[in-house]
Amino acid sequence: MPVNLEEALKKATAVLECAAVSTPLLDAQVLLCHVLQVDRLYLYAHSDRLLVQGEERRYFELIEKRAEGMPVQYLVQNQEFMGLDFHVEEGILIPRADTEVLVENVIQYFQERKRISSPLIADLGTGSGAIAVSLASWISHAFVYAVDISEKAIEISKGNAQRHGVSERMRFLRGDLFQPLKAKALEGKLDALVSNPPYIPRREIDNLQKEVAVYEPRLALDGGEDGLDFYRRIIEDAPLFLKEGGLLAFEVGYDQAQPVNQMLNEKGCFQDIEIKKDLSGIERVVTALRA
């Protein structure tokens, strides 16, 4: 017998509560909106509207996957970031709100340096393209190189660039960190180098919440034994690619800002090193200028 929207939501919420999902009602609403292609207001205004058989089947298939731990973002294949919608799917790291602090700092850097008429920016480990596409969208005179070792990441990030109309001011390069930038002879030409690299210590990955540990790509999480492997590699070669005064900007994990700050100081090629906090008061971003 068909159920209406109110009944479907109650049933779905109960399933997610039993699975210990942290936001059962919200997730149930988001997934129902996705199936019906409506907004949440519609659910309240049409609570007695009946689900047809195909809608009900599809909805509870998604609810079951959510109960098993699959992130909502993978189920709806979308995540908002910097006011833009990004396509995401399994195999691609889901953009986090904390990372907006990184993007905002890069935008501010160029707002304060209007003399840089056509900045060149590289994003190492672009994933969905959230950082790179957002920078191209918000810095309208910039050209952005998006680098990732994953073929799927390059494919998804290209699609997101097309979605937001910035493809003509971007290039997508597959390879390991600086390798594709070197192939493009970009040594000494970048105004900014940005990265949210893998930074979870390897031994801690399996202890993360199921949504992350099981479903998100380990390649985008594993930062080596202490979580700092990629910072070491990037700090080692970044001076070769940045112009004098160019910006190096990292997102860092919990308790990693000070070790990264120390690495930058020890390298001896950087000045004006700063640590910025996210909205939760956690040291989230480290920036430095090429001396």
Protein backbone atom coordinates (compact mmCIF):
# COMPACT_ATOMS: atom_id res chain seq x y z
CA MET A 1 0.00 0.00 0.00
CA PRO A 2 1.44 3.42 -0.97
CA VAL A 3 2.74 5.67 1.80
CA ASN A 4 2.63 9.45 1.89
CA LEU A 5 5.64 11.71 2.43
CA GLU A 6 5.08 12.08 6.16
CA GLU A 7 4.85 8.32 6.67
CA ALA A 8 7.88 7.65 4.47
CA LEU A 9 9.95 10.16 6.44
CA LYS A 10 8.95 8.66 9.78
CA LYS A 11 9.84 5.16 8.62
CA ALA A 12 13.14 6.28 7.07
CA THR A 13 14.11 8.31 10.14
CA ALA A 14 13.48 5.30 12.38
CA VAL A 15 15.73 3.14 10.17
CA LEU A 16 18.54 5.70 10.35
CA GLU A 17 18.12 6.13 14.11
CA CYS A 18 18.52 2.38 14.57
CA ALA A 19 21.72 2.57 12.50
CA ALA A 20 23.03 5.34 14.80
CA VAL A 21 23.24 7.90 11.98
CA SER A 22 24.03 11.25 13.61
CA THR A 23 21.37 13.31 11.78
CA PRO A 24 18.61 10.81 10.91
CA LEU A 25 15.74 13.22 10.13
CA LEU A 26 17.88 15.61 8.11
CA ASP A 27 19.40 12.77 6.09
CA ALA A 28 15.98 11.24 5.49
CA GLN A 29 14.71 14.60 4.23
CA VAL A 30 17.71 15.24 1.99
CA LEU A 31 17.40 11.83 0.35
CA LEU A 32 13.65 12.19 -0.18
CA CYS A 33 14.18 15.61 -1.75
CA HIS A 34 16.77 14.03 -4.03
CA VAL A 35 14.41 11.26 -5.17
CA LEU A 36 11.53 13.69 -5.80
CA GLN A 37 13.75 16.53 -7.08
CA VAL A 38 12.11 19.02 -4.73
CA ASP A 39 13.22 21.25 -1.83
CA ARG A 40 12.57 20.55 1.85
CA LEU A 41 9.73 23.07 2.02
CA TYR A 42 7.85 20.88 -0.46
CA LEU A 43 7.97 17.98 2.00
CA TYR A 44 6.13 20.01 4.62
CA ALA A 45 3.65 21.57 2.21
CA HIS A 46 2.73 18.22 0.60
CA SER A 47 3.10 15.80 3.51
CA ASP A 48 0.03 13.83 2.37
CA ARG A 49 1.32 13.35 -1.18
CA LEU A 50 1.65 9.62 -1.96
CA LEU A 51 4.89 8.09 -3.16
CA VAL A 52 4.44 6.05 -6.30
CA GLN A 53 6.00 2.59 -6.37
CA GLY A 54 9.19 3.55 -8.19
CA GLU A 55 9.79 6.54 -5.90
CA GLU A 56 9.26 4.52 -2.74
CA ARG A 57 11.57 1.73 -3.89
CA ARG A 58 14.31 4.15 -4.90
CA TYR A 59 13.97 6.11 -1.65
CA PHE A 60 14.32 3.14 0.66
CA GLU A 61 17.22 1.77 -1.38
CA LEU A 62 19.05 5.03 -0.60
CA ILE A 63 17.99 4.92 3.04
CA GLU A 64 19.41 1.40 3.33
CA LYS A 65 22.73 2.52 1.85
CA ARG A 66 22.82 5.47 4.25
CA ALA A 67 22.11 3.11 7.16
CA GLU A 68 25.10 1.04 6.04
CA GLY A 69 27.29 4.13 6.34
CA MET A 70 27.51 5.53 2.81
CA PRO A 71 27.79 9.35 3.01
CA VAL A 72 24.75 11.35 1.91
CA GLN A 73 26.94 13.28 -0.52
CA TYR A 74 27.75 10.12 -2.46
CA LEU A 75 24.09 9.14 -2.53
CA VAL A 76 22.92 12.49 -3.93
CA GLN A 77 26.23 13.01 -5.80
CA ASN A 78 26.46 16.63 -4.74
CA GLN A 79 28.20 18.82 -2.15
CA GLU A 80 28.04 22.59 -1.73
CA PHE A 81 31.36 24.41 -1.32
CA MET A 82 32.09 28.15 -1.43
CA GLY A 83 28.53 28.76 -2.59
CA LEU A 84 28.95 26.39 -5.55
CA ASP A 85 27.53 22.91 -6.14
CA PHE A 86 30.07 20.18 -6.85
CA HIS A 87 29.44 16.76 -8.30
CA VAL A 88 30.98 14.06 -6.09
CA GLU A 89 30.85 10.29 -6.17
CA GLU A 90 32.62 7.32 -4.64
CA GLY A 91 36.34 7.48 -5.21
CA ILE A 92 36.46 11.27 -4.73
CA LEU A 93 37.07 13.02 -1.41
CA ILE A 94 34.01 14.97 -0.25
CA PRO A 95 34.75 18.71 0.11
CA ARG A 96 34.51 19.98 3.70
CA ALA A 97 33.40 23.37 4.96
CA ASP A 98 36.70 23.71 6.87
CA THR A 99 38.55 23.85 3.56
CA GLU A 100 36.74 27.08 2.67
CA VAL A 101 39.16 28.82 5.09
CA LEU A 102 42.02 27.80 2.79
CA VAL A 103 40.27 29.15 -0.31
CA GLU A 104 39.30 32.38 1.45
CA ASN A 105 42.93 33.04 2.42
CA VAL A 106 44.10 32.59 -1.16
CA ILE A 107 41.37 34.93 -2.43
CA GLN A 108 42.40 37.52 0.17
CA TYR A 109 46.05 37.25 -0.90
CA PHE A 110 45.17 38.26 -4.46
CA GLN A 111 42.70 40.94 -3.38
CA GLU A 112 45.58 42.59 -1.54
CA ARG A 113 47.86 42.30 -4.59
CA LYS A 114 45.89 43.84 -7.42
CA ARG A 115 49.17 44.43 -9.30
CA ILE A 116 49.19 40.71 -10.16
CA SER A 117 47.08 41.06 -13.30
CA SER A 118 46.94 37.43 -14.46
CA PRO A 119 47.87 35.16 -11.56
CA LEU A 120 48.89 31.56 -12.15
CA ILE A 121 47.74 29.18 -9.41
CA ALA A 122 48.30 25.43 -8.95
CA ASP A 123 46.19 23.15 -6.77
CA LEU A 124 47.97 19.93 -5.85
CA GLY A 125 45.65 16.98 -5.15
CA THR A 126 42.56 18.61 -6.62
CA GLY A 127 40.06 15.77 -6.03
CA SER A 128 36.62 17.05 -7.00
CA GLY A 129 38.18 20.33 -8.06
CA ALA A 130 36.48 22.17 -5.19
CA ILE A 131 39.51 24.34 -4.37
CA ALA A 132 40.68 24.90 -7.94
CA VAL A 133 37.24 25.60 -9.43
CA SER A 134 36.32 27.88 -6.53
CA LEU A 135 39.52 29.88 -7.01
CA ALA A 136 38.89 30.19 -10.74
CA SER A 137 35.31 31.28 -10.00
CA TRP A 138 36.15 33.82 -7.30
CA ILE A 139 39.37 35.18 -8.86
CA SER A 140 38.08 35.99 -12.31
CA HIS A 141 41.47 36.95 -13.75
CA ALA A 142 43.30 33.82 -12.56
CA PHE A 143 44.45 30.76 -14.47
CA VAL A 144 44.43 27.59 -12.40
CA TYR A 145 46.26 24.28 -12.85
CA ALA A 146 44.50 21.38 -11.12
CA VAL A 147 46.78 18.38 -10.45
CA ASP A 148 45.84 14.92 -9.24
CA ILE A 149 47.29 11.43 -9.53
CA SER A 150 43.80 9.95 -9.87
CA GLU A 151 42.30 9.69 -13.36
CA LYS A 152 38.81 9.74 -11.83
CA ALA A 153 39.57 12.94 -9.92
CA ILE A 154 40.71 14.64 -13.12
CA GLU A 155 37.52 13.53 -14.87
CA ILE A 156 35.25 14.75 -12.05
CA SER A 157 37.07 18.05 -11.60
CA LYS A 158 36.85 18.77 -15.33
CA GLY A 159 33.10 18.25 -15.16
CA ASN A 160 32.81 20.60 -12.20
CA ALA A 161 34.80 23.26 -14.03
CA GLN A 162 32.46 22.99 -17.00
CA ARG A 163 29.47 23.14 -14.66
CA HIS A 164 30.65 26.51 -13.36
CA GLY A 165 31.92 27.97 -16.62
CA VAL A 166 35.62 28.23 -15.76
CA SER A 167 37.11 25.50 -17.99
CA GLU A 168 38.79 28.01 -20.30
CA ARG A 169 40.88 29.33 -17.39
CA MET A 170 41.91 25.94 -16.08
CA ARG A 171 44.11 23.02 -17.06
CA PHE A 172 43.80 19.55 -15.54
CA LEU A 173 47.04 17.63 -15.18
CA ARG A 174 47.31 14.02 -14.12
CA GLY A 175 50.42 13.09 -12.22
CA ASP A 176 52.25 12.98 -8.90
CA LEU A 177 52.48 16.44 -7.29
CA PHE A 178 55.02 18.59 -9.20
CA GLN A 179 55.71 16.11 -12.01
CA PRO A 180 53.07 17.49 -14.43
CA LEU A 181 53.93 21.09 -13.52
CA LYS A 182 57.55 20.40 -14.41
CA ALA A 183 56.42 18.88 -17.72
CA LYS A 184 54.68 22.21 -18.44
CA ALA A 185 57.89 24.12 -17.60
CA LEU A 186 56.20 26.08 -14.81
CA GLU A 187 59.31 26.46 -12.65
CA GLY A 188 59.42 29.99 -11.22
CA LYS A 189 56.09 30.97 -12.78
CA LEU A 190 53.43 30.33 -10.12
CA ASP A 191 51.91 33.13 -8.05
CA ALA A 192 50.31 30.66 -5.66
CA LEU A 193 50.55 27.01 -4.80
CA VAL A 194 47.64 25.54 -2.85
CA SER A 195 47.09 22.08 -1.40
CA ASN A 196 44.80 20.15 0.89
CA PRO A 197 46.93 17.00 0.79
CA PRO A 198 46.30 13.63 2.42
CA TYR A 199 47.15 14.21 6.09
CA ILE A 200 45.64 11.42 8.17
CA PRO A 201 48.32 9.29 9.91
CA ARG A 202 48.08 5.82 8.35
CA ARG A 203 47.41 4.02 11.63
CA GLU A 204 44.42 6.29 12.38
CA ILE A 205 42.45 5.81 9.17
CA ASP A 206 40.63 2.65 10.22
CA ASN A 207 39.53 4.38 13.44
CA LEU A 208 37.79 7.22 11.63
CA GLN A 209 34.00 7.28 11.40
CA LYS A 210 32.68 4.65 9.02
CA GLU A 211 31.58 7.18 6.41
CA VAL A 212 35.22 8.21 5.97
CA ALA A 213 37.21 5.06 6.74
CA VAL A 214 35.15 2.72 4.56
CA TYR A 215 33.77 4.91 1.79
CA GLU A 216 36.18 7.77 1.10
CA PRO A 217 39.30 7.06 -1.00
CA ARG A 218 42.28 6.01 1.12
CA LEU A 219 44.58 7.59 -1.47
CA ALA A 220 43.14 10.99 -0.50
CA LEU A 221 43.46 10.34 3.25
CA ASP A 222 46.78 8.55 3.86
CA GLY A 223 49.48 11.02 4.83
CA GLY A 224 52.03 8.39 5.81
CA GLU A 225 53.11 7.27 9.27
CA ASP A 226 52.81 10.70 10.89
CA GLY A 227 50.45 12.30 8.37
CA LEU A 228 53.10 14.76 7.20
CA ASP A 229 54.61 13.02 4.16
CA PHE A 230 52.99 15.27 1.56
CA TYR A 231 53.89 18.47 3.40
CA ARG A 232 57.54 17.42 3.36
CA ARG A 233 57.44 16.71 -0.36
CA ILE A 234 55.59 19.90 -1.27
CA ILE A 235 57.74 22.16 0.91
CA GLU A 236 60.87 20.62 -0.61
CA ASP A 237 59.97 21.51 -4.21
CA ALA A 238 57.58 24.47 -3.88
CA PRO A 239 60.39 27.09 -3.97
CA LEU A 240 61.34 25.88 -7.47
CA PHE A 241 57.89 26.73 -8.83
CA LEU A 242 56.84 29.84 -6.90
CA LYS A 243 57.75 33.35 -7.92
CA GLU A 244 59.41 35.58 -5.34
CA GLY A 245 56.64 36.62 -2.94
CA GLY A 246 54.43 33.80 -4.20
CA LEU A 247 51.99 32.18 -1.81
CA LEU A 248 52.17 28.63 -0.46
CA ALA A 249 48.91 27.70 1.29
CA PHE A 250 48.10 24.41 3.03
CA GLU A 251 45.15 22.93 4.84
CA VAL A 252 46.45 20.94 7.81
CA GLY A 253 44.99 18.38 10.16
CA TYR A 254 44.53 18.63 13.91
CA ASP A 255 47.81 19.44 15.71
CA GLN A 256 49.74 19.63 12.41
CA ALA A 257 50.05 23.41 12.04
CA GLN A 258 53.11 23.71 14.29
CA PRO A 259 55.08 20.85 12.64
CA VAL A 260 54.33 22.31 9.19
CA ASN A 261 55.34 25.76 10.43
CA GLN A 262 58.63 24.28 11.63
CA MET A 263 59.26 22.59 8.27
CA LEU A 264 58.72 25.89 6.46
CA ASN A 265 61.12 27.69 8.78
CA GLU A 266 63.76 24.99 8.43
CA LYS A 267 63.55 25.09 4.63
CA GLY A 268 64.83 28.66 4.75
CA CYS A 269 63.05 29.75 1.56
CA PHE A 270 59.87 31.14 3.14
CA GLN A 271 58.85 34.20 5.10
CA ASP A 272 55.71 35.68 6.68
CA ILE A 273 54.55 32.24 7.84
CA GLU A 274 51.05 32.41 9.33
CA ILE A 275 48.63 29.96 10.93
CA LYS A 276 44.88 30.54 10.52
CA LYS A 277 42.05 28.97 12.51
CA ASP A 278 38.77 27.58 11.20
CA LEU A 279 35.33 28.44 12.61
CA SER A 280 35.80 25.83 15.34
CA GLY A 281 39.00 27.50 16.53
CA ILE A 282 41.21 24.71 15.18
CA GLU A 283 44.48 25.66 13.45
CA ARG A 284 43.46 24.72 9.92
CA VAL A 285 45.56 26.68 7.41
CA VAL A 286 49.25 27.47 7.14
CA THR A 287 50.43 30.09 4.64
CA ALA A 288 53.89 31.33 3.71
CA LEU A 289 55.49 33.55 1.08
CA ARG A 290 58.42 32.56 -1.12
CA ALA A 291 61.41 34.61 0.05
